[in-house]
Amino acid sequence: MVAKRRVEVFTAGCLLCQEAIKMVRELACSSCEVVVYDLIKQCESKECLSKVRSYGISRVPTIVVDGKIAECCSGSRPSLKALKVAGIGSLS
């Protein structure tokens, strides 16, 4: 059994965030586990806030793949090409 790739999307409910969520969900394959954290609503356990600190997230939307901020999110909007490079949508 192959472990699923964990894809975390950190958002604030904005239009660009919604576009990023849609892009990730459309691209995700059966090897991807997609989790969306809305930082405005936060999460009951506050796990999302500790993840923001541990990953060093300073803007949204930010996409984290297997514990690393996707390169597409380090300077500009997420792109389909950069998400594919990060491994989203590939079966392995």
N, C-alpha and C. Protein backbone atom coordinates (compact mmCIF):
# COMPACT_ATOMS: atom_id res chain seq x y z
N MET A 1 0.84 -1.19 0.00
CA MET A 1 0.00 0.00 0.00
C MET A 1 0.89 1.25 0.00
N VAL A 2 0.62 2.16 -0.90
CA VAL A 2 1.38 3.39 -1.03
C VAL A 2 0.75 4.46 -0.15
N ALA A 3 1.60 5.19 0.59
CA ALA A 3 1.09 6.27 1.43
C ALA A 3 0.56 7.40 0.55
N LYS A 4 -0.52 8.01 1.00
CA LYS A 4 -1.09 9.12 0.24
C LYS A 4 -0.24 10.36 0.42
N ARG A 5 -0.20 11.17 -0.63
CA ARG A 5 0.48 12.46 -0.59
C ARG A 5 -0.47 13.41 0.14
N ARG A 6 0.00 14.08 1.18
CA ARG A 6 -0.84 14.99 1.96
C ARG A 6 -0.70 16.39 1.38
N VAL A 7 -1.82 16.94 0.93
CA VAL A 7 -1.86 18.27 0.34
C VAL A 7 -2.71 19.14 1.26
N GLU A 8 -2.09 20.15 1.86
CA GLU A 8 -2.79 21.06 2.77
C GLU A 8 -2.91 22.41 2.09
N VAL A 9 -4.11 22.95 2.07
CA VAL A 9 -4.37 24.25 1.46
C VAL A 9 -4.79 25.21 2.57
N PHE A 10 -4.00 26.25 2.76
CA PHE A 10 -4.28 27.26 3.80
C PHE A 10 -4.91 28.46 3.11
N THR A 11 -6.11 28.84 3.58
CA THR A 11 -6.88 29.89 2.92
C THR A 11 -7.41 30.90 3.93
N ALA A 12 -8.00 31.96 3.39
CA ALA A 12 -8.68 32.95 4.22
C ALA A 12 -10.03 33.31 3.60
N GLY A 13 -10.58 32.40 2.81
CA GLY A 13 -11.90 32.61 2.23
C GLY A 13 -11.97 33.59 1.08
N CYS A 14 -10.83 34.04 0.58
CA CYS A 14 -10.84 35.02 -0.51
C CYS A 14 -11.04 34.35 -1.87
N LEU A 15 -11.29 35.14 -2.89
CA LEU A 15 -11.51 34.62 -4.24
C LEU A 15 -10.29 33.83 -4.73
N LEU A 16 -9.09 34.36 -4.53
CA LEU A 16 -7.89 33.64 -4.97
C LEU A 16 -7.73 32.33 -4.21
N CYS A 17 -8.12 32.33 -2.95
CA CYS A 17 -8.06 31.10 -2.16
C CYS A 17 -9.03 30.06 -2.73
N GLN A 18 -10.22 30.48 -3.09
CA GLN A 18 -11.21 29.57 -3.66
C GLN A 18 -10.71 28.98 -4.98
N GLU A 19 -10.05 29.81 -5.78
CA GLU A 19 -9.48 29.33 -7.04
C GLU A 19 -8.40 28.29 -6.78
N ALA A 20 -7.56 28.52 -5.76
CA ALA A 20 -6.50 27.57 -5.42
C ALA A 20 -7.08 26.24 -4.95
N ILE A 21 -8.12 26.30 -4.13
CA ILE A 21 -8.78 25.06 -3.65
C ILE A 21 -9.33 24.29 -4.84
N LYS A 22 -10.01 24.99 -5.73
CA LYS A 22 -10.60 24.34 -6.91
C LYS A 22 -9.51 23.69 -7.75
N MET A 23 -8.41 24.40 -7.99
CA MET A 23 -7.32 23.88 -8.80
C MET A 23 -6.73 22.61 -8.18
N VAL A 24 -6.49 22.65 -6.87
CA VAL A 24 -5.93 21.49 -6.18
C VAL A 24 -6.88 20.31 -6.25
N ARG A 25 -8.15 20.54 -5.97
CA ARG A 25 -9.13 19.45 -5.98
C ARG A 25 -9.28 18.84 -7.38
N GLU A 26 -9.23 19.67 -8.41
CA GLU A 26 -9.35 19.15 -9.77
C GLU A 26 -8.12 18.35 -10.17
N LEU A 27 -6.97 18.76 -9.69
CA LEU A 27 -5.71 18.12 -10.04
C LEU A 27 -5.42 16.88 -9.20
N ALA A 28 -5.93 16.84 -7.99
CA ALA A 28 -5.63 15.75 -7.06
C ALA A 28 -6.06 14.40 -7.63
N CYS A 29 -5.26 13.40 -7.33
CA CYS A 29 -5.56 12.04 -7.80
C CYS A 29 -5.85 11.16 -6.59
N SER A 30 -6.02 9.89 -6.81
CA SER A 30 -6.34 8.98 -5.71
C SER A 30 -5.19 8.82 -4.72
N SER A 31 -3.99 9.28 -5.09
CA SER A 31 -2.84 9.23 -4.18
C SER A 31 -2.70 10.50 -3.35
N CYS A 32 -3.66 11.41 -3.49
CA CYS A 32 -3.60 12.68 -2.76
C CYS A 32 -4.70 12.76 -1.70
N GLU A 33 -4.32 13.20 -0.53
CA GLU A 33 -5.28 13.50 0.53
C GLU A 33 -5.28 15.02 0.68
N VAL A 34 -6.37 15.67 0.31
CA VAL A 34 -6.46 17.12 0.33
C VAL A 34 -7.16 17.58 1.60
N VAL A 35 -6.51 18.49 2.34
CA VAL A 35 -7.07 19.07 3.55
C VAL A 35 -7.06 20.58 3.38
N VAL A 36 -8.19 21.23 3.61
CA VAL A 36 -8.29 22.69 3.48
C VAL A 36 -8.44 23.29 4.87
N TYR A 37 -7.58 24.25 5.17
CA TYR A 37 -7.66 24.98 6.45
C TYR A 37 -8.07 26.42 6.16
N ASP A 38 -9.24 26.83 6.63
CA ASP A 38 -9.69 28.21 6.50
C ASP A 38 -9.23 28.94 7.76
N LEU A 39 -8.24 29.78 7.61
CA LEU A 39 -7.64 30.45 8.77
C LEU A 39 -8.55 31.50 9.40
N ILE A 40 -9.56 31.95 8.66
CA ILE A 40 -10.53 32.88 9.23
C ILE A 40 -11.40 32.12 10.24
N LYS A 41 -11.88 30.96 9.85
CA LYS A 41 -12.72 30.15 10.74
C LYS A 41 -11.88 29.38 11.76
N GLN A 42 -10.60 29.18 11.44
CA GLN A 42 -9.68 28.38 12.23
C GLN A 42 -10.22 26.95 12.35
N CYS A 43 -9.65 26.18 13.18
CA CYS A 43 -10.14 24.82 13.38
C CYS A 43 -10.29 24.61 14.88
N GLU A 44 -11.17 23.73 15.25
CA GLU A 44 -11.47 23.54 16.68
C GLU A 44 -10.23 23.23 17.50
N SER A 45 -9.35 22.39 16.97
CA SER A 45 -8.17 21.98 17.72
C SER A 45 -7.05 23.02 17.68
N LYS A 46 -7.19 24.04 16.85
CA LYS A 46 -6.17 25.06 16.61
C LYS A 46 -4.92 24.48 15.95
N GLU A 47 -5.04 23.24 15.45
CA GLU A 47 -3.94 22.59 14.74
C GLU A 47 -3.49 23.43 13.55
N CYS A 48 -4.46 24.04 12.86
CA CYS A 48 -4.12 24.82 11.68
C CYS A 48 -3.20 26.00 12.02
N LEU A 49 -3.40 26.61 13.17
CA LEU A 49 -2.56 27.73 13.56
C LEU A 49 -1.14 27.28 13.88
N SER A 50 -1.01 26.13 14.55
CA SER A 50 0.34 25.63 14.84
C SER A 50 1.04 25.22 13.55
N LYS A 51 0.30 24.72 12.57
CA LYS A 51 0.89 24.37 11.27
C LYS A 51 1.36 25.63 10.54
N VAL A 52 0.60 26.70 10.62
CA VAL A 52 1.01 27.96 9.99
C VAL A 52 2.36 28.39 10.55
N ARG A 53 2.50 28.32 11.86
CA ARG A 53 3.77 28.70 12.49
C ARG A 53 4.90 27.74 12.10
N SER A 54 4.64 26.45 12.17
CA SER A 54 5.71 25.49 11.90
C SER A 54 6.15 25.51 10.43
N TYR A 55 5.23 25.74 9.50
CA TYR A 55 5.59 25.83 8.08
C TYR A 55 6.15 27.20 7.71
N GLY A 56 5.91 28.21 8.53
CA GLY A 56 6.37 29.56 8.22
C GLY A 56 5.50 30.25 7.18
N ILE A 57 4.22 29.97 7.19
CA ILE A 57 3.30 30.56 6.22
C ILE A 57 3.07 32.03 6.56
N SER A 58 3.21 32.88 5.53
CA SER A 58 3.02 34.32 5.75
C SER A 58 2.00 34.93 4.79
N ARG A 59 1.41 34.12 3.92
CA ARG A 59 0.39 34.62 3.00
C ARG A 59 -0.54 33.47 2.60
N VAL A 60 -1.69 33.84 2.11
CA VAL A 60 -2.63 32.84 1.62
C VAL A 60 -3.07 33.21 0.21
N PRO A 61 -3.42 32.30 -0.63
CA PRO A 61 -3.41 30.87 -0.35
C PRO A 61 -2.00 30.31 -0.35
N THR A 62 -1.78 29.32 0.50
CA THR A 62 -0.52 28.59 0.52
C THR A 62 -0.86 27.10 0.46
N ILE A 63 -0.12 26.40 -0.37
CA ILE A 63 -0.32 24.96 -0.53
C ILE A 63 0.93 24.26 -0.03
N VAL A 64 0.72 23.28 0.84
CA VAL A 64 1.81 22.51 1.42
C VAL A 64 1.64 21.06 0.96
N VAL A 65 2.70 20.50 0.40
CA VAL A 65 2.66 19.12 -0.08
C VAL A 65 3.66 18.31 0.74
N ASP A 66 3.14 17.32 1.45
CA ASP A 66 3.96 16.46 2.30
C ASP A 66 4.89 17.25 3.22
N GLY A 67 4.33 18.29 3.83
CA GLY A 67 5.06 19.05 4.84
C GLY A 67 5.95 20.15 4.32
N LYS A 68 5.95 20.40 3.01
CA LYS A 68 6.79 21.45 2.43
C LYS A 68 5.92 22.40 1.62
N ILE A 69 6.15 23.71 1.80
CA ILE A 69 5.41 24.69 1.02
C ILE A 69 5.76 24.49 -0.45
N ALA A 70 4.73 24.35 -1.28
CA ALA A 70 4.95 24.17 -2.72
C ALA A 70 5.65 25.41 -3.27
N GLU A 71 6.60 25.18 -4.15
CA GLU A 71 7.39 26.27 -4.71
C GLU A 71 6.52 27.35 -5.33
N CYS A 72 5.37 26.94 -5.86
CA CYS A 72 4.47 27.91 -6.49
C CYS A 72 3.94 28.94 -5.50
N CYS A 73 4.01 28.63 -4.23
CA CYS A 73 3.43 29.52 -3.22
C CYS A 73 4.47 30.39 -2.51
N SER A 74 5.70 30.32 -2.94
CA SER A 74 6.73 31.09 -2.24
C SER A 74 6.90 32.49 -2.80
N GLY A 75 6.27 32.82 -3.92
CA GLY A 75 6.44 34.16 -4.43
C GLY A 75 5.29 34.67 -5.27
N SER A 76 4.40 33.78 -5.69
CA SER A 76 3.30 34.22 -6.54
C SER A 76 2.10 33.31 -6.33
N ARG A 77 1.09 33.53 -7.16
CA ARG A 77 -0.11 32.69 -7.09
C ARG A 77 0.22 31.26 -7.48
N PRO A 78 -0.52 30.30 -6.91
CA PRO A 78 -0.33 28.91 -7.32
C PRO A 78 -0.63 28.74 -8.80
N SER A 79 0.18 27.91 -9.46
CA SER A 79 -0.07 27.62 -10.88
C SER A 79 -0.21 26.11 -11.07
N LEU A 80 -0.93 25.74 -12.09
CA LEU A 80 -1.14 24.34 -12.39
C LEU A 80 0.20 23.63 -12.62
N LYS A 81 1.08 24.24 -13.38
CA LYS A 81 2.39 23.64 -13.68
C LYS A 81 3.19 23.41 -12.41
N ALA A 82 3.24 24.39 -11.53
CA ALA A 82 4.02 24.26 -10.30
C ALA A 82 3.42 23.20 -9.37
N LEU A 83 2.10 23.08 -9.35
CA LEU A 83 1.47 22.05 -8.53
C LEU A 83 1.80 20.66 -9.05
N LYS A 84 1.83 20.52 -10.36
CA LYS A 84 2.22 19.23 -10.95
C LYS A 84 3.66 18.88 -10.59
N VAL A 85 4.54 19.88 -10.63
CA VAL A 85 5.94 19.67 -10.25
C VAL A 85 6.03 19.22 -8.79
N ALA A 86 5.14 19.73 -7.95
CA ALA A 86 5.11 19.36 -6.53
C ALA A 86 4.57 17.94 -6.32
N GLY A 87 4.05 17.34 -7.38
CA GLY A 87 3.58 15.96 -7.30
C GLY A 87 2.09 15.77 -7.19
N ILE A 88 1.33 16.85 -7.18
CA ILE A 88 -0.12 16.71 -7.07
C ILE A 88 -0.66 16.18 -8.39
N GLY A 89 -1.44 15.12 -8.29
CA GLY A 89 -2.05 14.55 -9.48
C GLY A 89 -1.28 13.39 -10.08
N SER A 90 -0.12 13.05 -9.50
CA SER A 90 0.62 11.90 -10.02
C SER A 90 0.46 10.73 -9.08
N LEU A 91 0.24 9.59 -9.63
CA LEU A 91 0.00 8.37 -8.85
C LEU A 91 1.32 7.77 -8.39
N SER A 92 1.84 8.19 -7.28
CA SER A 92 3.02 7.53 -6.70
C SER A 92 3.46 8.18 -5.44
